[in-house]
Amino acid sequence: MIWKQKEVTVEGLNSFATNNMPSYLEIKFIEVGDDYLLARMPVNDKTKQPMGLLHGGASAALAETVGSVASILCIEDLMTHTAVGVEINANHLNSVKEGFVYAKVSPIKVGRNIHVWEINIRNEENKLICRSRLTTAIIQKK
């Protein structure tokens, strides 16, 4: 298991998503694996663009949410360090009009100062909707 925080649970991860962007977009973690997290987000009026399709920015917000949480879970001491996003990219490969999308985050590199994550977002039929990469820096809290 790559997670440094003890007893990582879906309930614990979801308890942090109140009164912020993940809660507004209705992002929910649904699975914790040894080296991945899985979350879902509805395709609804909050996450669609005016043409009725999943907004690319909503996909990027979902990707950054799961990647940032994964980075935080890999930090030894959360009292002294935190993770901040440095770069995100997102290739929007297919469209979605309804249902849910699922984001699975997996590590590319988990170093002492830099983490790089791959996030694949799929629809309910397991079709790849977006492939994203997030880089986070691990910094000392002030």
C-alpha atoms as a PDB file:
ATOM      1  CA  MET A   1       0.000   0.000   0.000  1.00  0.00           C
ATOM      2  CA  ILE A   2       1.347   3.440  -0.918  1.00  0.00           C
ATOM      3  CA  TRP A   3      -0.812   5.444   1.489  1.00  0.00           C
ATOM      4  CA  LYS A   4       1.077   6.850   4.485  1.00  0.00           C
ATOM      5  CA  GLN A   5      -2.079   7.859   6.347  1.00  0.00           C
ATOM      6  CA  LYS A   6      -3.542   5.087   8.449  1.00  0.00           C
ATOM      7  CA  GLU A   7      -7.010   3.665   8.003  1.00  0.00           C
ATOM      8  CA  VAL A   8      -7.916   5.369   4.745  1.00  0.00           C
ATOM      9  CA  THR A   9     -11.651   4.877   4.194  1.00  0.00           C
ATOM     10  CA  VAL A  10     -14.188   6.072   1.663  1.00  0.00           C
ATOM     11  CA  GLU A  11     -16.190   7.622   4.498  1.00  0.00           C
ATOM     12  CA  GLY A  12     -13.158   9.503   5.784  1.00  0.00           C
ATOM     13  CA  LEU A  13     -12.283  10.843   2.325  1.00  0.00           C
ATOM     14  CA  ASN A  14     -15.854  11.974   1.701  1.00  0.00           C
ATOM     15  CA  SER A  15     -16.028  13.760   5.055  1.00  0.00           C
ATOM     16  CA  PHE A  16     -13.562  16.378   3.754  1.00  0.00           C
ATOM     17  CA  ALA A  17     -15.815  17.295   0.818  1.00  0.00           C
ATOM     18  CA  THR A  18     -18.186  19.725   2.493  1.00  0.00           C
ATOM     19  CA  ASN A  19     -18.736  23.346   1.490  1.00  0.00           C
ATOM     20  CA  ASN A  20     -16.122  23.254  -1.287  1.00  0.00           C
ATOM     21  CA  MET A  21     -15.831  22.463  -4.999  1.00  0.00           C
ATOM     22  CA  PRO A  22     -15.922  18.652  -4.652  1.00  0.00           C
ATOM     23  CA  SER A  23     -19.143  18.892  -2.661  1.00  0.00           C
ATOM     24  CA  TYR A  24     -20.675  21.370  -5.130  1.00  0.00           C
ATOM     25  CA  LEU A  25     -19.835  19.050  -8.045  1.00  0.00           C
ATOM     26  CA  GLU A  26     -21.101  16.082  -5.976  1.00  0.00           C
ATOM     27  CA  ILE A  27     -17.781  14.211  -6.229  1.00  0.00           C
ATOM     28  CA  LYS A  28     -17.804  11.103  -4.043  1.00  0.00           C
ATOM     29  CA  PHE A  29     -15.005   8.645  -3.367  1.00  0.00           C
ATOM     30  CA  ILE A  30     -16.269   5.099  -3.809  1.00  0.00           C
ATOM     31  CA  GLU A  31     -13.191   2.877  -3.529  1.00  0.00           C
ATOM     32  CA  VAL A  32      -9.748   2.839  -1.934  1.00  0.00           C
ATOM     33  CA  GLY A  33      -7.196   0.389  -3.343  1.00  0.00           C
ATOM     34  CA  ASP A  34      -3.605  -0.323  -2.359  1.00  0.00           C
ATOM     35  CA  ASP A  35      -2.327   2.145  -4.981  1.00  0.00           C
ATOM     36  CA  TYR A  36      -5.401   3.854  -6.425  1.00  0.00           C
ATOM     37  CA  LEU A  37      -8.520   5.799  -5.516  1.00  0.00           C
ATOM     38  CA  LEU A  38     -11.819   5.747  -7.384  1.00  0.00           C
ATOM     39  CA  ALA A  39     -14.369   8.556  -7.293  1.00  0.00           C
ATOM     40  CA  ARG A  40     -17.520   9.348  -9.205  1.00  0.00           C
ATOM     41  CA  MET A  41     -19.215  12.544 -10.321  1.00  0.00           C
ATOM     42  CA  PRO A  42     -22.675  12.983 -11.823  1.00  0.00           C
ATOM     43  CA  VAL A  43     -23.150  14.469 -15.257  1.00  0.00           C
ATOM     44  CA  ASN A  44     -25.848  17.005 -14.406  1.00  0.00           C
ATOM     45  CA  ASP A  45     -26.621  20.724 -14.633  1.00  0.00           C
ATOM     46  CA  LYS A  46     -23.693  21.525 -12.323  1.00  0.00           C
ATOM     47  CA  THR A  47     -21.151  19.691 -14.493  1.00  0.00           C
ATOM     48  CA  LYS A  48     -22.462  20.242 -18.050  1.00  0.00           C
ATOM     49  CA  GLN A  49     -21.545  22.974 -20.510  1.00  0.00           C
ATOM     50  CA  PRO A  50     -24.280  24.903 -22.384  1.00  0.00           C
ATOM     51  CA  MET A  51     -24.418  22.312 -25.196  1.00  0.00           C
ATOM     52  CA  GLY A  52     -25.495  19.630 -22.687  1.00  0.00           C
ATOM     53  CA  LEU A  53     -22.195  17.738 -22.537  1.00  0.00           C
ATOM     54  CA  LEU A  54     -19.875  17.149 -19.598  1.00  0.00           C
ATOM     55  CA  HIS A  55     -17.788  20.320 -19.220  1.00  0.00           C
ATOM     56  CA  GLY A  56     -14.047  19.844 -19.663  1.00  0.00           C
ATOM     57  CA  GLY A  57     -13.454  22.012 -16.614  1.00  0.00           C
ATOM     58  CA  ALA A  58     -15.585  19.669 -14.518  1.00  0.00           C
ATOM     59  CA  SER A  59     -13.457  16.741 -15.714  1.00  0.00           C
ATOM     60  CA  ALA A  60     -10.316  18.688 -14.787  1.00  0.00           C
ATOM     61  CA  ALA A  61     -11.771  19.517 -11.352  1.00  0.00           C
ATOM     62  CA  LEU A  62     -12.562  15.831 -10.805  1.00  0.00           C
ATOM     63  CA  ALA A  63      -9.038  14.845 -11.878  1.00  0.00           C
ATOM     64  CA  GLU A  64      -7.385  17.443  -9.647  1.00  0.00           C
ATOM     65  CA  THR A  65      -9.565  16.421  -6.717  1.00  0.00           C
ATOM     66  CA  VAL A  66      -8.657  12.731  -6.834  1.00  0.00           C
ATOM     67  CA  GLY A  67      -4.991  13.433  -7.614  1.00  0.00           C
ATOM     68  CA  SER A  68      -4.597  15.984  -4.824  1.00  0.00           C
ATOM     69  CA  VAL A  69      -6.239  13.681  -2.298  1.00  0.00           C
ATOM     70  CA  ALA A  70      -3.942  10.848  -3.408  1.00  0.00           C
ATOM     71  CA  SER A  71      -0.917  13.110  -2.857  1.00  0.00           C
ATOM     72  CA  ILE A  72      -2.094  14.082   0.604  1.00  0.00           C
ATOM     73  CA  LEU A  73      -2.471  10.419   1.503  1.00  0.00           C
ATOM     74  CA  CYS A  74       1.174   9.845   0.514  1.00  0.00           C
ATOM     75  CA  ILE A  75       2.604  12.518   2.834  1.00  0.00           C
ATOM     76  CA  GLU A  76       4.326  11.237   5.973  1.00  0.00           C
ATOM     77  CA  ASP A  77       3.505  14.170   8.271  1.00  0.00           C
ATOM     78  CA  LEU A  78       0.457  16.280   7.445  1.00  0.00           C
ATOM     79  CA  MET A  79       1.234  18.588  10.351  1.00  0.00           C
ATOM     80  CA  THR A  80       4.366  19.860   8.581  1.00  0.00           C
ATOM     81  CA  HIS A  81       3.737  19.278   4.853  1.00  0.00           C
ATOM     82  CA  THR A  82       0.966  19.523   2.286  1.00  0.00           C
ATOM     83  CA  ALA A  83       0.450  18.981  -1.441  1.00  0.00           C
ATOM     84  CA  VAL A  84      -0.182  21.755  -3.953  1.00  0.00           C
ATOM     85  CA  GLY A  85      -1.010  21.419  -7.629  1.00  0.00           C
ATOM     86  CA  VAL A  86       1.749  22.444 -10.035  1.00  0.00           C
ATOM     87  CA  GLU A  87       0.430  21.308 -13.419  1.00  0.00           C
ATOM     88  CA  ILE A  88      -2.598  19.515 -14.784  1.00  0.00           C
ATOM     89  CA  ASN A  89      -3.453  18.483 -18.297  1.00  0.00           C
ATOM     90  CA  ALA A  90      -6.570  16.819 -19.593  1.00  0.00           C
ATOM     91  CA  ASN A  91      -7.215  15.196 -22.936  1.00  0.00           C
ATOM     92  CA  HIS A  92     -10.965  15.116 -23.526  1.00  0.00           C
ATOM     93  CA  LEU A  93     -11.459  12.052 -25.702  1.00  0.00           C
ATOM     94  CA  ASN A  94     -15.207  11.397 -25.707  1.00  0.00           C
ATOM     95  CA  SER A  95     -18.361  13.179 -24.604  1.00  0.00           C
ATOM     96  CA  VAL A  96     -20.974  12.310 -21.988  1.00  0.00           C
ATOM     97  CA  LYS A  97     -24.537  13.648 -21.705  1.00  0.00           C
ATOM     98  CA  GLU A  98     -25.871  11.885 -18.609  1.00  0.00           C
ATOM     99  CA  GLY A  99     -25.184   9.419 -15.838  1.00  0.00           C
ATOM    100  CA  PHE A 100     -21.945   9.314 -13.887  1.00  0.00           C
ATOM    101  CA  VAL A 101     -18.253   9.482 -14.713  1.00  0.00           C
ATOM    102  CA  TYR A 102     -15.640   7.607 -12.692  1.00  0.00           C
ATOM    103  CA  ALA A 103     -12.104   8.838 -12.038  1.00  0.00           C
ATOM    104  CA  LYS A 104      -9.356   6.390 -11.140  1.00  0.00           C
ATOM    105  CA  VAL A 105      -6.086   7.896  -9.953  1.00  0.00           C
ATOM    106  CA  SER A 106      -2.865   5.862 -10.054  1.00  0.00           C
ATOM    107  CA  PRO A 107       0.726   6.889  -9.346  1.00  0.00           C
ATOM    108  CA  ILE A 108       3.275   7.546 -12.052  1.00  0.00           C
ATOM    109  CA  LYS A 109       5.877   8.760  -9.524  1.00  0.00           C
ATOM    110  CA  VAL A 110       5.587   9.372  -5.804  1.00  0.00           C
ATOM    111  CA  GLY A 111       8.788  11.108  -4.771  1.00  0.00           C
ATOM    112  CA  ARG A 112       9.759  13.072  -1.698  1.00  0.00           C
ATOM    113  CA  ASN A 113       9.022  16.481  -3.271  1.00  0.00           C
ATOM    114  CA  ILE A 114       7.042  15.768  -6.454  1.00  0.00           C
ATOM    115  CA  HIS A 115       4.139  13.428  -7.165  1.00  0.00           C
ATOM    116  CA  VAL A 116       2.845  12.669 -10.662  1.00  0.00           C
ATOM    117  CA  TRP A 117      -0.555  11.015 -11.069  1.00  0.00           C
ATOM    118  CA  GLU A 118      -2.464   9.524 -13.977  1.00  0.00           C
ATOM    119  CA  ILE A 119      -6.212   9.986 -13.827  1.00  0.00           C
ATOM    120  CA  ASN A 120      -8.504   8.146 -16.217  1.00  0.00           C
ATOM    121  CA  ILE A 121     -12.121   9.252 -16.313  1.00  0.00           C
ATOM    122  CA  ARG A 122     -14.594   6.747 -17.734  1.00  0.00           C
ATOM    123  CA  ASN A 123     -18.346   6.681 -18.264  1.00  0.00           C
ATOM    124  CA  GLU A 124     -20.736   4.023 -16.967  1.00  0.00           C
ATOM    125  CA  GLU A 125     -19.936   1.813 -19.981  1.00  0.00           C
ATOM    126  CA  ASN A 126     -16.204   2.009 -19.113  1.00  0.00           C
ATOM    127  CA  LYS A 127     -15.477   4.168 -22.188  1.00  0.00           C
ATOM    128  CA  LEU A 128     -12.499   6.492 -21.692  1.00  0.00           C
ATOM    129  CA  ILE A 129     -13.790  10.066 -21.532  1.00  0.00           C
ATOM    130  CA  CYS A 130     -10.722  11.952 -20.337  1.00  0.00           C
ATOM    131  CA  ARG A 131      -7.104  11.125 -19.603  1.00  0.00           C
ATOM    132  CA  SER A 132      -5.393  13.539 -17.249  1.00  0.00           C
ATOM    133  CA  ARG A 133      -2.010  13.921 -15.578  1.00  0.00           C
ATOM    134  CA  LEU A 134      -1.510  15.899 -12.394  1.00  0.00           C
ATOM    135  CA  THR A 135       1.769  16.995 -10.864  1.00  0.00           C
ATOM    136  CA  THR A 136       1.819  18.093  -7.239  1.00  0.00           C
ATOM    137  CA  ALA A 137       4.612  19.578  -5.178  1.00  0.00           C
ATOM    138  CA  ILE A 138       5.036  18.545  -1.565  1.00  0.00           C
ATOM    139  CA  ILE A 139       5.784  21.702   0.404  1.00  0.00           C
ATOM    140  CA  GLN A 140       6.403  22.585   3.996  1.00  0.00           C
ATOM    141  CA  LYS A 141       3.511  24.325   5.733  1.00  0.00           C
ATOM    142  CA  LYS A 142       4.199  27.841   6.916  1.00  0.00           C
END
